[in-house]
N, C-alpha and C. Protein backbone atom coordinates (compact mmCIF):
# COMPACT_ATOMS: atom_id res chain seq x y z
N MET A 1 148.13 31.54 101.13
CA MET A 1 147.75 32.36 99.88
C MET A 1 148.26 33.74 100.02
N THR A 2 148.87 34.29 99.01
CA THR A 2 149.42 35.86 98.92
C THR A 2 148.11 36.62 98.90
N GLU A 3 148.12 37.58 99.89
CA GLU A 3 147.35 38.67 99.90
C GLU A 3 147.64 39.80 98.98
N VAL A 4 146.79 40.36 98.09
CA VAL A 4 147.23 41.38 97.38
C VAL A 4 146.47 42.62 97.71
N GLY A 5 147.21 43.75 97.83
CA GLY A 5 146.52 45.05 98.20
C GLY A 5 146.80 46.13 97.08
N PHE A 6 145.61 46.55 96.56
CA PHE A 6 145.71 47.72 95.62
C PHE A 6 145.56 48.75 96.20
N TYR A 7 146.43 49.77 96.29
CA TYR A 7 146.52 51.06 97.11
C TYR A 7 146.29 52.13 95.99
N HIS A 8 145.00 52.76 95.97
CA HIS A 8 144.82 53.75 95.05
C HIS A 8 145.21 55.28 95.54
N LEU A 9 146.42 55.71 95.16
CA LEU A 9 146.87 57.04 95.48
C LEU A 9 146.13 58.03 95.02
N THR A 10 145.33 58.81 95.84
CA THR A 10 144.36 60.10 95.23
C THR A 10 144.94 61.29 96.08
N LYS A 11 145.16 61.26 97.34
CA LYS A 11 145.30 62.40 97.94
C LYS A 11 146.55 62.58 98.40
N MET A 12 147.69 61.74 98.40
CA MET A 12 148.96 61.94 98.37
C MET A 12 149.99 61.04 97.44
N PRO A 13 151.04 61.71 97.27
CA PRO A 13 152.00 60.93 96.27
C PRO A 13 152.50 59.89 97.10
N LEU A 14 153.37 58.81 96.22
CA LEU A 14 153.97 57.60 96.73
C LEU A 14 155.01 58.32 97.68
N GLU A 15 155.73 59.28 97.60
CA GLU A 15 156.65 59.74 98.56
C GLU A 15 156.08 59.91 100.04
N ARG A 16 154.94 60.18 100.07
CA ARG A 16 154.39 60.41 101.35
C ARG A 16 153.69 59.13 101.87
N ALA A 17 153.03 58.48 100.98
CA ALA A 17 152.20 57.26 101.30
C ALA A 17 153.03 56.20 101.80
N LEU A 18 154.31 55.94 101.04
CA LEU A 18 155.20 54.83 101.20
C LEU A 18 155.65 54.62 102.41
N PRO A 19 156.22 55.79 103.07
CA PRO A 19 156.94 55.55 104.48
C PRO A 19 156.00 55.19 105.59
N ARG A 20 154.39 55.61 105.50
CA ARG A 20 153.55 55.13 106.36
C ARG A 20 153.24 53.58 106.41
N LEU A 21 153.26 53.17 105.16
CA LEU A 21 153.11 51.69 104.96
C LEU A 21 154.29 50.90 105.33
N LEU A 22 155.54 51.47 105.05
CA LEU A 22 156.68 50.89 105.49
C LEU A 22 156.82 50.61 106.93
N GLU A 23 156.42 51.95 107.59
CA GLU A 23 156.43 51.78 109.12
C GLU A 23 155.65 50.55 109.72
N LYS A 24 154.42 50.44 109.13
CA LYS A 24 153.55 49.37 109.69
C LYS A 24 154.24 48.04 109.40
N ILE A 25 154.89 47.78 108.25
CA ILE A 25 155.55 46.74 107.86
C ILE A 25 156.68 46.19 109.01
N LEU A 26 157.52 47.36 109.25
CA LEU A 26 158.69 47.25 110.12
C LEU A 26 158.12 47.15 111.64
N ASP A 27 157.10 47.55 111.99
CA ASP A 27 156.46 47.65 113.25
C ASP A 27 156.04 46.03 113.34
N ALA A 28 155.54 45.36 112.36
CA ALA A 28 155.25 43.97 112.43
C ALA A 28 156.34 43.12 112.38
N LYS A 29 157.58 43.55 112.50
CA LYS A 29 158.92 42.81 112.24
C LYS A 29 158.98 41.88 110.98
N LYS A 30 158.57 42.61 109.99
CA LYS A 30 158.58 42.09 108.65
C LYS A 30 159.54 42.86 107.82
N ARG A 31 159.89 42.12 106.75
CA ARG A 31 160.97 42.99 105.68
C ARG A 31 160.24 43.39 104.38
N ALA A 32 160.71 44.07 103.47
CA ALA A 32 159.89 44.83 102.30
C ALA A 32 160.75 44.87 101.22
N VAL A 33 160.46 44.50 99.85
CA VAL A 33 161.14 45.04 98.68
C VAL A 33 160.07 45.95 98.06
N VAL A 34 160.86 47.04 97.77
CA VAL A 34 160.00 48.13 97.12
C VAL A 34 160.59 48.15 95.65
N LYS A 35 159.84 47.71 94.65
CA LYS A 35 160.38 47.91 93.24
C LYS A 35 159.56 49.20 92.43
N VAL A 36 160.63 49.73 91.83
CA VAL A 36 159.99 51.11 91.07
C VAL A 36 160.49 50.73 89.77
N SER A 37 160.42 51.95 88.93
CA SER A 37 160.77 51.82 87.57
C SER A 37 162.05 52.22 87.20
N SER A 38 162.88 53.00 87.83
CA SER A 38 164.12 53.54 87.28
C SER A 38 164.96 53.63 88.42
N PRO A 39 166.43 53.65 88.11
CA PRO A 39 167.48 54.02 89.18
C PRO A 39 167.36 55.20 89.93
N GLU A 40 166.74 56.41 89.06
CA GLU A 40 166.55 57.52 89.48
C GLU A 40 165.48 57.50 90.62
N ARG A 41 164.56 56.91 90.54
CA ARG A 41 163.46 56.71 91.39
C ARG A 41 163.86 56.07 92.69
N VAL A 42 164.77 54.91 92.53
CA VAL A 42 165.22 54.27 93.80
C VAL A 42 166.01 55.59 94.42
N GLU A 43 166.93 56.26 94.10
CA GLU A 43 167.50 57.38 94.67
C GLU A 43 166.82 58.31 95.26
N ALA A 44 165.59 58.71 94.41
CA ALA A 44 164.79 59.67 94.90
C ALA A 44 164.12 59.19 96.56
N LEU A 45 163.57 57.75 96.33
CA LEU A 45 163.02 57.15 97.48
C LEU A 45 163.94 57.14 98.51
N ASN A 46 165.27 56.70 98.16
CA ASN A 46 166.34 56.57 99.16
C ASN A 46 166.39 57.88 100.11
N SER A 47 166.39 58.92 99.37
CA SER A 47 166.57 60.21 100.06
C SER A 47 165.30 60.49 100.81
N THR A 48 163.95 60.08 100.29
CA THR A 48 162.80 60.28 101.18
C THR A 48 162.87 59.42 102.43
N LEU A 49 163.29 58.22 102.40
CA LEU A 49 163.33 57.38 103.46
C LEU A 49 164.16 57.77 104.71
N TRP A 50 165.16 58.70 104.28
CA TRP A 50 166.10 58.93 105.09
C TRP A 50 165.45 60.05 106.26
N ASN A 51 164.35 60.70 105.73
CA ASN A 51 163.70 61.66 106.65
C ASN A 51 162.11 61.60 106.78
N ALA A 52 161.78 60.19 106.64
CA ALA A 52 160.40 60.10 106.52
C ALA A 52 159.63 59.15 107.80
N GLY A 53 160.44 58.60 108.50
CA GLY A 53 159.91 57.70 109.58
C GLY A 53 159.46 58.47 110.79
N ARG A 54 159.12 57.80 111.65
CA ARG A 54 158.80 58.46 113.25
C ARG A 54 160.10 59.03 113.56
N GLY A 55 161.08 58.24 113.64
CA GLY A 55 162.41 58.75 114.11
C GLY A 55 163.31 59.31 113.15
N SER A 56 162.65 59.68 111.89
CA SER A 56 163.09 60.46 110.83
C SER A 56 163.91 59.44 109.95
N PHE A 57 164.11 58.24 110.27
CA PHE A 57 164.71 57.23 109.25
C PHE A 57 164.29 55.97 109.38
N LEU A 58 163.98 55.58 108.05
CA LEU A 58 163.19 54.08 107.99
C LEU A 58 164.72 53.22 107.29
N PRO A 59 165.16 52.43 108.25
CA PRO A 59 166.25 51.66 107.59
C PRO A 59 165.99 50.79 106.41
N HIS A 60 166.95 51.04 105.40
CA HIS A 60 166.66 50.66 103.89
C HIS A 60 168.03 50.76 103.38
N GLY A 61 168.02 50.07 102.06
CA GLY A 61 169.16 50.03 101.25
C GLY A 61 168.83 49.69 99.66
N SER A 62 169.90 49.79 98.91
CA SER A 62 169.72 49.58 97.48
C SER A 62 170.91 48.89 96.86
N GLN A 63 170.95 48.60 95.78
CA GLN A 63 172.26 48.05 95.20
C GLN A 63 173.43 48.79 95.22
N GLN A 64 173.31 50.15 95.41
CA GLN A 64 174.25 51.06 95.66
C GLN A 64 174.83 50.90 96.95
N ASP A 65 173.99 50.71 97.90
CA ASP A 65 174.46 50.41 99.44
C ASP A 65 174.99 48.91 99.67
N GLY A 66 174.54 48.17 98.83
CA GLY A 66 174.97 46.51 99.28
C GLY A 66 174.53 46.13 100.33
N ASN A 67 174.80 44.87 100.70
CA ASN A 67 174.34 44.30 102.10
C ASN A 67 173.14 44.09 102.10
N ALA A 68 172.37 43.46 100.83
CA ALA A 68 171.08 43.18 100.89
C ALA A 68 170.46 42.44 102.00
N ALA A 69 170.99 41.41 102.40
CA ALA A 69 170.35 40.58 103.23
C ALA A 69 170.50 41.23 104.44
N GLU A 70 171.01 42.25 104.79
CA GLU A 70 171.00 42.88 106.08
C GLU A 70 169.70 44.20 106.05
N GLN A 71 169.41 44.38 105.01
CA GLN A 71 168.57 45.64 104.90
C GLN A 71 166.92 45.31 105.14
N PRO A 72 166.48 45.80 106.04
CA PRO A 72 164.86 45.55 106.38
C PRO A 72 164.01 46.13 105.10
N ILE A 73 164.25 47.13 104.47
CA ILE A 73 163.71 47.40 103.40
C ILE A 73 164.66 47.41 102.05
N TRP A 74 164.38 46.96 101.00
CA TRP A 74 165.15 46.80 99.72
C TRP A 74 164.50 47.63 98.84
N LEU A 75 165.30 48.69 98.21
CA LEU A 75 164.74 49.49 97.06
C LEU A 75 165.22 48.91 95.68
N THR A 76 164.74 48.67 94.91
CA THR A 76 165.24 48.11 93.62
C THR A 76 164.27 48.32 92.34
N THR A 77 164.97 48.10 91.15
CA THR A 77 164.37 48.32 89.97
C THR A 77 164.22 46.59 89.29
N ASP A 78 164.80 45.70 90.02
CA ASP A 78 164.84 44.25 89.72
C ASP A 78 163.68 43.48 90.35
N ASP A 79 163.52 42.39 89.77
CA ASP A 79 162.42 41.34 90.28
C ASP A 79 163.16 40.41 91.18
N GLU A 80 163.53 40.89 92.34
CA GLU A 80 164.39 40.12 93.21
C GLU A 80 163.91 40.27 94.62
N ASN A 81 164.48 39.28 95.57
CA ASN A 81 164.11 39.38 97.02
C ASN A 81 165.35 39.04 97.75
N PRO A 82 166.42 40.03 97.81
CA PRO A 82 167.52 39.53 98.34
C PRO A 82 167.67 39.78 99.63
N ASN A 83 166.72 40.30 100.41
CA ASN A 83 166.66 40.57 101.75
C ASN A 83 165.79 39.59 102.47
N GLY A 84 165.25 38.46 101.86
CA GLY A 84 164.42 37.56 102.46
C GLY A 84 162.89 38.19 103.06
N ALA A 85 162.30 39.15 102.11
CA ALA A 85 161.23 39.88 102.57
C ALA A 85 160.02 39.33 102.21
N GLN A 86 159.32 39.52 103.23
CA GLN A 86 157.69 38.94 103.26
C GLN A 86 156.79 39.77 102.55
N PHE A 87 157.25 40.98 102.43
CA PHE A 87 156.13 42.09 101.72
C PHE A 87 156.98 42.60 100.37
N LEU A 88 155.98 42.67 99.32
CA LEU A 88 156.53 43.20 98.03
C LEU A 88 155.58 44.30 97.70
N LEU A 89 156.16 45.52 97.52
CA LEU A 89 155.65 46.71 97.27
C LEU A 89 156.04 47.25 95.82
N LEU A 90 155.01 47.18 94.78
CA LEU A 90 155.46 47.64 93.54
C LEU A 90 154.66 49.12 93.31
N ALA A 91 155.41 49.87 92.60
CA ALA A 91 155.17 51.28 92.34
C ALA A 91 155.53 51.70 90.88
N ASP A 92 154.92 52.73 90.52
CA ASP A 92 155.48 53.15 89.00
C ASP A 92 154.95 52.19 87.92
N ASN A 93 153.82 51.28 88.18
CA ASN A 93 153.17 50.45 87.09
C ASN A 93 154.29 49.39 86.99
N THR A 94 155.11 49.03 87.98
CA THR A 94 155.88 47.79 87.69
C THR A 94 155.11 46.56 88.02
N ASP A 95 155.79 45.31 87.63
CA ASP A 95 155.22 43.96 88.08
C ASP A 95 156.12 43.18 88.33
N SER A 96 155.60 41.96 88.72
CA SER A 96 156.57 40.97 89.31
C SER A 96 156.06 39.64 88.88
N SER A 97 156.83 38.50 88.59
CA SER A 97 156.58 37.29 88.44
C SER A 97 156.67 36.29 89.67
N HIS A 98 156.95 37.04 90.73
CA HIS A 98 157.07 36.38 91.90
C HIS A 98 156.09 36.60 93.03
N LEU A 99 154.91 36.94 92.62
CA LEU A 99 154.02 37.45 93.77
C LEU A 99 153.74 36.45 94.76
N LYS A 100 153.54 35.11 94.32
CA LYS A 100 153.17 34.12 95.26
C LYS A 100 154.43 33.87 96.14
N ASP A 101 155.68 34.28 96.01
CA ASP A 101 156.71 34.21 97.01
C ASP A 101 156.56 35.02 98.28
N TYR A 102 155.78 35.96 98.27
CA TYR A 102 155.53 36.76 99.24
C TYR A 102 154.17 36.70 100.15
N GLU A 103 154.28 36.95 101.60
CA GLU A 103 153.12 36.75 102.28
C GLU A 103 152.00 37.81 101.83
N ARG A 104 152.67 39.14 101.59
CA ARG A 104 151.71 40.14 101.01
C ARG A 104 152.17 40.90 99.84
N PHE A 105 151.51 41.47 98.85
CA PHE A 105 151.99 42.27 97.91
C PHE A 105 151.21 43.59 97.84
N LEU A 106 151.77 44.59 97.49
CA LEU A 106 151.01 45.90 97.64
C LEU A 106 151.38 46.40 96.32
N ASP A 107 150.31 46.93 95.64
CA ASP A 107 150.55 47.50 94.30
C ASP A 107 149.89 48.97 94.60
N LEU A 108 150.96 49.92 94.52
CA LEU A 108 150.64 51.32 94.86
C LEU A 108 150.53 52.09 93.39
N PHE A 109 149.43 52.71 93.08
CA PHE A 109 149.31 53.14 91.91
C PHE A 109 148.68 54.75 91.91
N ASP A 110 148.86 55.53 90.95
CA ASP A 110 148.75 56.82 91.06
C ASP A 110 147.24 57.09 90.38
N GLY A 111 146.19 57.19 91.23
CA GLY A 111 144.78 57.14 90.82
C GLY A 111 144.56 58.62 89.97
N ASN A 112 145.46 59.58 90.04
CA ASN A 112 145.16 60.77 89.13
C ASN A 112 145.96 60.77 87.94
N ASP A 113 146.38 59.48 87.30
CA ASP A 113 146.95 59.21 86.07
C ASP A 113 146.09 58.26 85.36
N PRO A 114 145.45 58.59 84.46
CA PRO A 114 144.59 57.69 83.66
C PRO A 114 145.26 56.45 83.25
N GLN A 115 146.44 56.56 82.76
CA GLN A 115 147.11 55.35 82.17
C GLN A 115 147.60 54.38 83.34
N ALA A 116 148.15 54.91 84.44
CA ALA A 116 148.28 54.19 85.74
C ALA A 116 147.04 53.54 86.20
N LEU A 117 145.82 54.21 86.23
CA LEU A 117 144.76 53.76 86.52
C LEU A 117 144.22 52.36 85.77
N ALA A 118 144.47 52.48 84.36
CA ALA A 118 144.10 51.53 83.48
C ALA A 118 145.05 50.27 83.64
N GLN A 119 146.23 50.60 83.78
CA GLN A 119 147.19 49.51 84.12
C GLN A 119 147.09 48.64 85.33
N ALA A 120 146.55 49.57 86.52
CA ALA A 120 146.37 48.90 87.83
C ALA A 120 145.09 47.91 87.52
N ARG A 121 144.11 48.38 86.90
CA ARG A 121 142.89 47.67 86.55
C ARG A 121 143.17 46.10 86.00
N GLN A 122 144.15 46.22 85.06
CA GLN A 122 144.42 45.23 84.38
C GLN A 122 145.35 44.17 85.40
N ARG A 123 146.37 44.68 86.16
CA ARG A 123 146.70 43.81 87.19
C ARG A 123 145.87 43.22 88.13
N TRP A 124 145.03 44.21 88.46
CA TRP A 124 143.80 43.35 89.40
C TRP A 124 143.18 42.21 88.66
N LYS A 125 142.89 42.33 87.30
CA LYS A 125 142.41 41.22 86.65
C LYS A 125 143.21 40.00 86.66
N ASP A 126 144.43 40.36 86.34
CA ASP A 126 145.57 39.25 86.19
C ASP A 126 145.76 38.48 87.60
N CYS A 127 145.59 39.33 88.70
CA CYS A 127 145.61 38.71 90.07
C CYS A 127 144.59 37.77 90.38
N ILE A 128 143.48 38.39 89.94
CA ILE A 128 142.09 37.48 90.31
C ILE A 128 142.21 36.17 89.38
N ASN A 129 142.74 36.29 88.20
CA ASN A 129 142.96 35.10 87.27
C ASN A 129 143.93 34.21 87.76
N GLN A 130 144.79 34.69 88.53
CA GLN A 130 145.87 33.85 89.29
C GLN A 130 145.58 33.19 90.52
N GLY A 131 144.09 33.51 90.77
CA GLY A 131 143.73 32.94 92.16
C GLY A 131 144.08 33.52 93.40
N LEU A 132 144.59 34.81 93.26
CA LEU A 132 145.25 35.62 94.53
C LEU A 132 143.88 36.23 95.00
N GLN A 133 143.77 36.59 96.43
CA GLN A 133 142.95 37.31 96.97
C GLN A 133 143.27 38.73 96.89
N ALA A 134 142.54 39.54 96.20
CA ALA A 134 142.75 41.04 95.90
C ALA A 134 141.76 41.90 96.86
N ILE A 135 142.55 42.98 97.42
CA ILE A 135 141.83 43.84 98.43
C ILE A 135 142.05 45.31 97.86
N TYR A 136 141.14 46.06 97.60
CA TYR A 136 141.21 47.33 97.06
C TYR A 136 141.10 48.38 98.33
N TRP A 137 142.22 49.29 98.52
CA TRP A 137 142.26 50.10 99.48
C TRP A 137 142.24 51.71 98.79
N LYS A 138 141.48 52.52 99.23
CA LYS A 138 141.53 53.77 98.85
C LYS A 138 141.98 54.92 99.93
N GLN A 139 142.24 56.01 99.61
CA GLN A 139 142.37 57.08 100.47
C GLN A 139 141.57 57.70 101.02
N SER A 140 141.13 58.07 102.30
CA SER A 140 140.35 58.90 102.63
C SER A 140 140.70 60.35 102.79
N PRO A 141 139.81 61.34 102.74
CA PRO A 141 140.20 62.83 102.48
C PRO A 141 141.48 63.12 103.35
N ASN A 142 141.81 62.58 104.62
CA ASN A 142 142.83 62.99 105.27
C ASN A 142 143.94 62.08 104.85
N GLY A 143 143.90 60.98 103.86
CA GLY A 143 145.17 60.34 103.44
C GLY A 143 145.27 58.78 104.12
N SER A 144 144.41 58.54 105.24
CA SER A 144 144.50 57.49 105.84
C SER A 144 143.76 56.30 104.91
N TRP A 145 144.27 55.04 104.98
CA TRP A 145 143.64 53.80 104.09
C TRP A 145 142.23 53.44 104.64
N GLU A 146 141.29 53.19 103.65
CA GLU A 146 140.08 52.41 103.86
C GLU A 146 139.74 51.31 102.90
N LYS A 147 139.37 50.17 103.19
CA LYS A 147 138.84 49.18 102.33
C LYS A 147 137.93 49.65 101.43
N GLY A 148 137.91 49.54 100.19
CA GLY A 148 136.94 49.96 99.11
C GLY A 148 136.01 49.08 98.68
């Protein structure tokens, strides 16, 4: 069964939270697809991941880079899994019709945006209705994750 984690961003923006989560995925020898809302957002995250990891770089690519099958992290606006990822990370209120194709799905939403919060609540309900196991994660004051 696909495990679904809802990550309520309140203490740091996606650009700071995402690299930490991706490092954990890579440490587990897994691959990830990160789906965002626009090509501009893909490019912004592309820049972020160049300087965000422990070694200052998290290996990743996007359609602009090509070679999807070779990329441990794939940044996209499409509902795709061209790198054989086990993890799907959705941001910017994006959605996927392929949640059950992944081991784990992470829904990262901006808790300071009332519209994003309302949309995340609806996605939570949709996941429960699909029989998926949903887990809520909130940020502690220092930005680490705690089950809520």
